[in-house]
Amino acid sequence: MKMLLTVEFPIEPFNSLVRSGKVGEVIGRILETIKPEAAYFTEQDGKRGGFFVVDVPSASAVPSLAEPFFLNFDACCKFRILMTPADLQQAGLEQLGKTWG
């Protein structure tokens, strides 16, 4: 299942890794490991952040995607399910509307 992994990096230890010149290496290793379909870095609520489209084959895969960010950056990670238009068409919204509307 495709999910959006949202990562919020606290100021530390990110700044220390930038100053030591190691941040690029650490992020590169994480990206090689989690193999995101897409990766974007941005500002989030005044902090550094990232958005990653990842494949989560089962719930047991979540730690392998989040732990690198937790352990290296003390980051906050959130997962959201992503649906394509085809997924949404298969969701049975019409029937759900009849049942619950």
C-alpha atoms as a PDB file:
ATOM      1  CA  MET A   1       0.000   0.000   0.000  1.00  0.00           C
ATOM      2  CA  LYS A   2       1.305   3.447  -0.874  1.00  0.00           C
ATOM      3  CA  MET A   3       1.652   5.811   2.032  1.00  0.00           C
ATOM      4  CA  LEU A   4       2.820   9.362   2.551  1.00  0.00           C
ATOM      5  CA  LEU A   5       5.525   9.442   5.207  1.00  0.00           C
ATOM      6  CA  THR A   6       5.751  12.935   6.650  1.00  0.00           C
ATOM      7  CA  VAL A   7       8.883  13.658   8.655  1.00  0.00           C
ATOM      8  CA  GLU A   8       9.491  16.681  10.864  1.00  0.00           C
ATOM      9  CA  PHE A   9      13.122  17.163  11.861  1.00  0.00           C
ATOM     10  CA  PRO A  10      13.838  18.940  15.145  1.00  0.00           C
ATOM     11  CA  ILE A  11      16.574  21.587  15.163  1.00  0.00           C
ATOM     12  CA  GLU A  12      18.930  19.188  16.945  1.00  0.00           C
ATOM     13  CA  PRO A  13      20.536  16.864  16.079  1.00  0.00           C
ATOM     14  CA  PHE A  14      20.022  18.057  12.474  1.00  0.00           C
ATOM     15  CA  ASN A  15      22.108  21.233  12.961  1.00  0.00           C
ATOM     16  CA  SER A  16      24.969  19.241  14.467  1.00  0.00           C
ATOM     17  CA  LEU A  17      24.942  16.849  11.519  1.00  0.00           C
ATOM     18  CA  VAL A  18      24.979  19.800   9.109  1.00  0.00           C
ATOM     19  CA  ARG A  19      27.927  21.374  10.953  1.00  0.00           C
ATOM     20  CA  SER A  20      29.875  18.093  10.969  1.00  0.00           C
ATOM     21  CA  GLY A  21      29.215  17.557   7.255  1.00  0.00           C
ATOM     22  CA  LYS A  22      27.449  14.240   7.857  1.00  0.00           C
ATOM     23  CA  VAL A  23      23.805  15.140   7.167  1.00  0.00           C
ATOM     24  CA  GLY A  24      23.973  14.345   3.448  1.00  0.00           C
ATOM     25  CA  GLU A  25      25.504  10.942   4.100  1.00  0.00           C
ATOM     26  CA  VAL A  26      22.868  10.062   6.713  1.00  0.00           C
ATOM     27  CA  ILE A  27      19.952  11.197   4.532  1.00  0.00           C
ATOM     28  CA  GLY A  28      21.442   9.369   1.549  1.00  0.00           C
ATOM     29  CA  ARG A  29      21.689   6.129   3.532  1.00  0.00           C
ATOM     30  CA  ILE A  30      18.101   6.475   4.712  1.00  0.00           C
ATOM     31  CA  LEU A  31      16.797   7.111   1.183  1.00  0.00           C
ATOM     32  CA  GLU A  32      18.746   4.107  -0.151  1.00  0.00           C
ATOM     33  CA  THR A  33      17.173   1.985   2.560  1.00  0.00           C
ATOM     34  CA  ILE A  34      13.533   3.122   2.409  1.00  0.00           C
ATOM     35  CA  LYS A  35      13.529   3.490  -1.403  1.00  0.00           C
ATOM     36  CA  PRO A  36      10.795   6.132  -1.687  1.00  0.00           C
ATOM     37  CA  GLU A  37       8.900   6.516  -4.955  1.00  0.00           C
ATOM     38  CA  ALA A  38       9.234  10.264  -4.419  1.00  0.00           C
ATOM     39  CA  ALA A  39      11.097  12.387  -1.879  1.00  0.00           C
ATOM     40  CA  TYR A  40      10.646  16.089  -1.166  1.00  0.00           C
ATOM     41  CA  PHE A  41      12.245  18.276   1.481  1.00  0.00           C
ATOM     42  CA  THR A  42      10.532  21.424   2.690  1.00  0.00           C
ATOM     43  CA  GLU A  43       9.744  23.648   5.639  1.00  0.00           C
ATOM     44  CA  GLN A  44       7.063  22.415   8.023  1.00  0.00           C
ATOM     45  CA  ASP A  45       5.758  24.706  10.745  1.00  0.00           C
ATOM     46  CA  GLY A  46       9.051  26.578  10.788  1.00  0.00           C
ATOM     47  CA  LYS A  47      11.162  23.413  10.947  1.00  0.00           C
ATOM     48  CA  ARG A  48      12.870  21.230   8.396  1.00  0.00           C
ATOM     49  CA  GLY A  49      10.599  18.596   6.938  1.00  0.00           C
ATOM     50  CA  GLY A  50      10.279  15.918   4.329  1.00  0.00           C
ATOM     51  CA  PHE A  51       7.565  14.092   2.408  1.00  0.00           C
ATOM     52  CA  PHE A  52       8.203  10.596   1.096  1.00  0.00           C
ATOM     53  CA  VAL A  53       5.906   8.353  -0.951  1.00  0.00           C
ATOM     54  CA  VAL A  54       6.692   4.834   0.253  1.00  0.00           C
ATOM     55  CA  ASP A  55       5.332   1.348  -0.304  1.00  0.00           C
ATOM     56  CA  VAL A  56       4.171  -0.323   2.909  1.00  0.00           C
ATOM     57  CA  PRO A  57       3.491  -3.994   2.158  1.00  0.00           C
ATOM     58  CA  SER A  58       2.321  -4.680   5.727  1.00  0.00           C
ATOM     59  CA  ALA A  59       2.063  -2.926   9.090  1.00  0.00           C
ATOM     60  CA  SER A  60       5.249  -4.686  10.170  1.00  0.00           C
ATOM     61  CA  ALA A  61       7.185  -2.600   7.600  1.00  0.00           C
ATOM     62  CA  VAL A  62       6.399   0.700   9.334  1.00  0.00           C
ATOM     63  CA  PRO A  63       9.292   0.511  11.833  1.00  0.00           C
ATOM     64  CA  SER A  64      11.844  -0.086   9.063  1.00  0.00           C
ATOM     65  CA  LEU A  65      10.669   3.132   7.405  1.00  0.00           C
ATOM     66  CA  ALA A  66      10.422   5.290  10.533  1.00  0.00           C
ATOM     67  CA  GLU A  67      13.296   4.091  12.742  1.00  0.00           C
ATOM     68  CA  PRO A  68      16.087   5.554  10.589  1.00  0.00           C
ATOM     69  CA  PHE A  69      14.512   9.005  11.058  1.00  0.00           C
ATOM     70  CA  PHE A  70      13.810   8.411  14.755  1.00  0.00           C
ATOM     71  CA  LEU A  71      17.287   7.141  15.565  1.00  0.00           C
ATOM     72  CA  ASN A  72      19.319   9.592  13.456  1.00  0.00           C
ATOM     73  CA  PHE A  73      17.280  12.775  13.854  1.00  0.00           C
ATOM     74  CA  ASP A  74      14.856  12.313  16.783  1.00  0.00           C
ATOM     75  CA  ALA A  75      12.275  13.064  14.087  1.00  0.00           C
ATOM     76  CA  CYS A  76       8.493  12.926  14.225  1.00  0.00           C
ATOM     77  CA  CYS A  77       7.061  10.537  11.593  1.00  0.00           C
ATOM     78  CA  LYS A  78       3.464  10.295  10.399  1.00  0.00           C
ATOM     79  CA  PHE A  79       1.981   7.873   7.887  1.00  0.00           C
ATOM     80  CA  ARG A  80      -1.059   8.542   5.689  1.00  0.00           C
ATOM     81  CA  ILE A  81      -2.669   6.129   3.242  1.00  0.00           C
ATOM     82  CA  LEU A  82      -2.554   7.290  -0.381  1.00  0.00           C
ATOM     83  CA  MET A  83      -5.141   6.349  -3.007  1.00  0.00           C
ATOM     84  CA  THR A  84      -4.933   6.733  -6.752  1.00  0.00           C
ATOM     85  CA  PRO A  85      -8.065   7.704  -8.687  1.00  0.00           C
ATOM     86  CA  ALA A  86      -8.460   3.992  -9.566  1.00  0.00           C
ATOM     87  CA  ASP A  87      -8.280   3.075  -5.861  1.00  0.00           C
ATOM     88  CA  LEU A  88     -10.982   5.612  -5.090  1.00  0.00           C
ATOM     89  CA  GLN A  89     -13.198   4.226  -7.860  1.00  0.00           C
ATOM     90  CA  GLN A  90     -12.897   0.765  -6.314  1.00  0.00           C
ATOM     91  CA  ALA A  91     -13.807   2.035  -2.831  1.00  0.00           C
ATOM     92  CA  GLY A  92     -17.546   1.498  -3.373  1.00  0.00           C
ATOM     93  CA  LEU A  93     -18.548   5.048  -2.448  1.00  0.00           C
ATOM     94  CA  GLU A  94     -21.939   4.719  -4.169  1.00  0.00           C
ATOM     95  CA  GLN A  95     -22.863   1.689  -2.082  1.00  0.00           C
ATOM     96  CA  LEU A  96     -21.519   3.299   1.083  1.00  0.00           C
ATOM     97  CA  GLY A  97     -23.679   6.333   0.330  1.00  0.00           C
ATOM     98  CA  LYS A  98     -26.756   4.117   0.010  1.00  0.00           C
ATOM     99  CA  THR A  99     -25.910   2.224   3.177  1.00  0.00           C
ATOM    100  CA  TRP A 100     -24.934   5.151   5.374  1.00  0.00           C
ATOM    101  CA  GLY A 101     -26.489   8.198   3.699  1.00  0.00           C
END
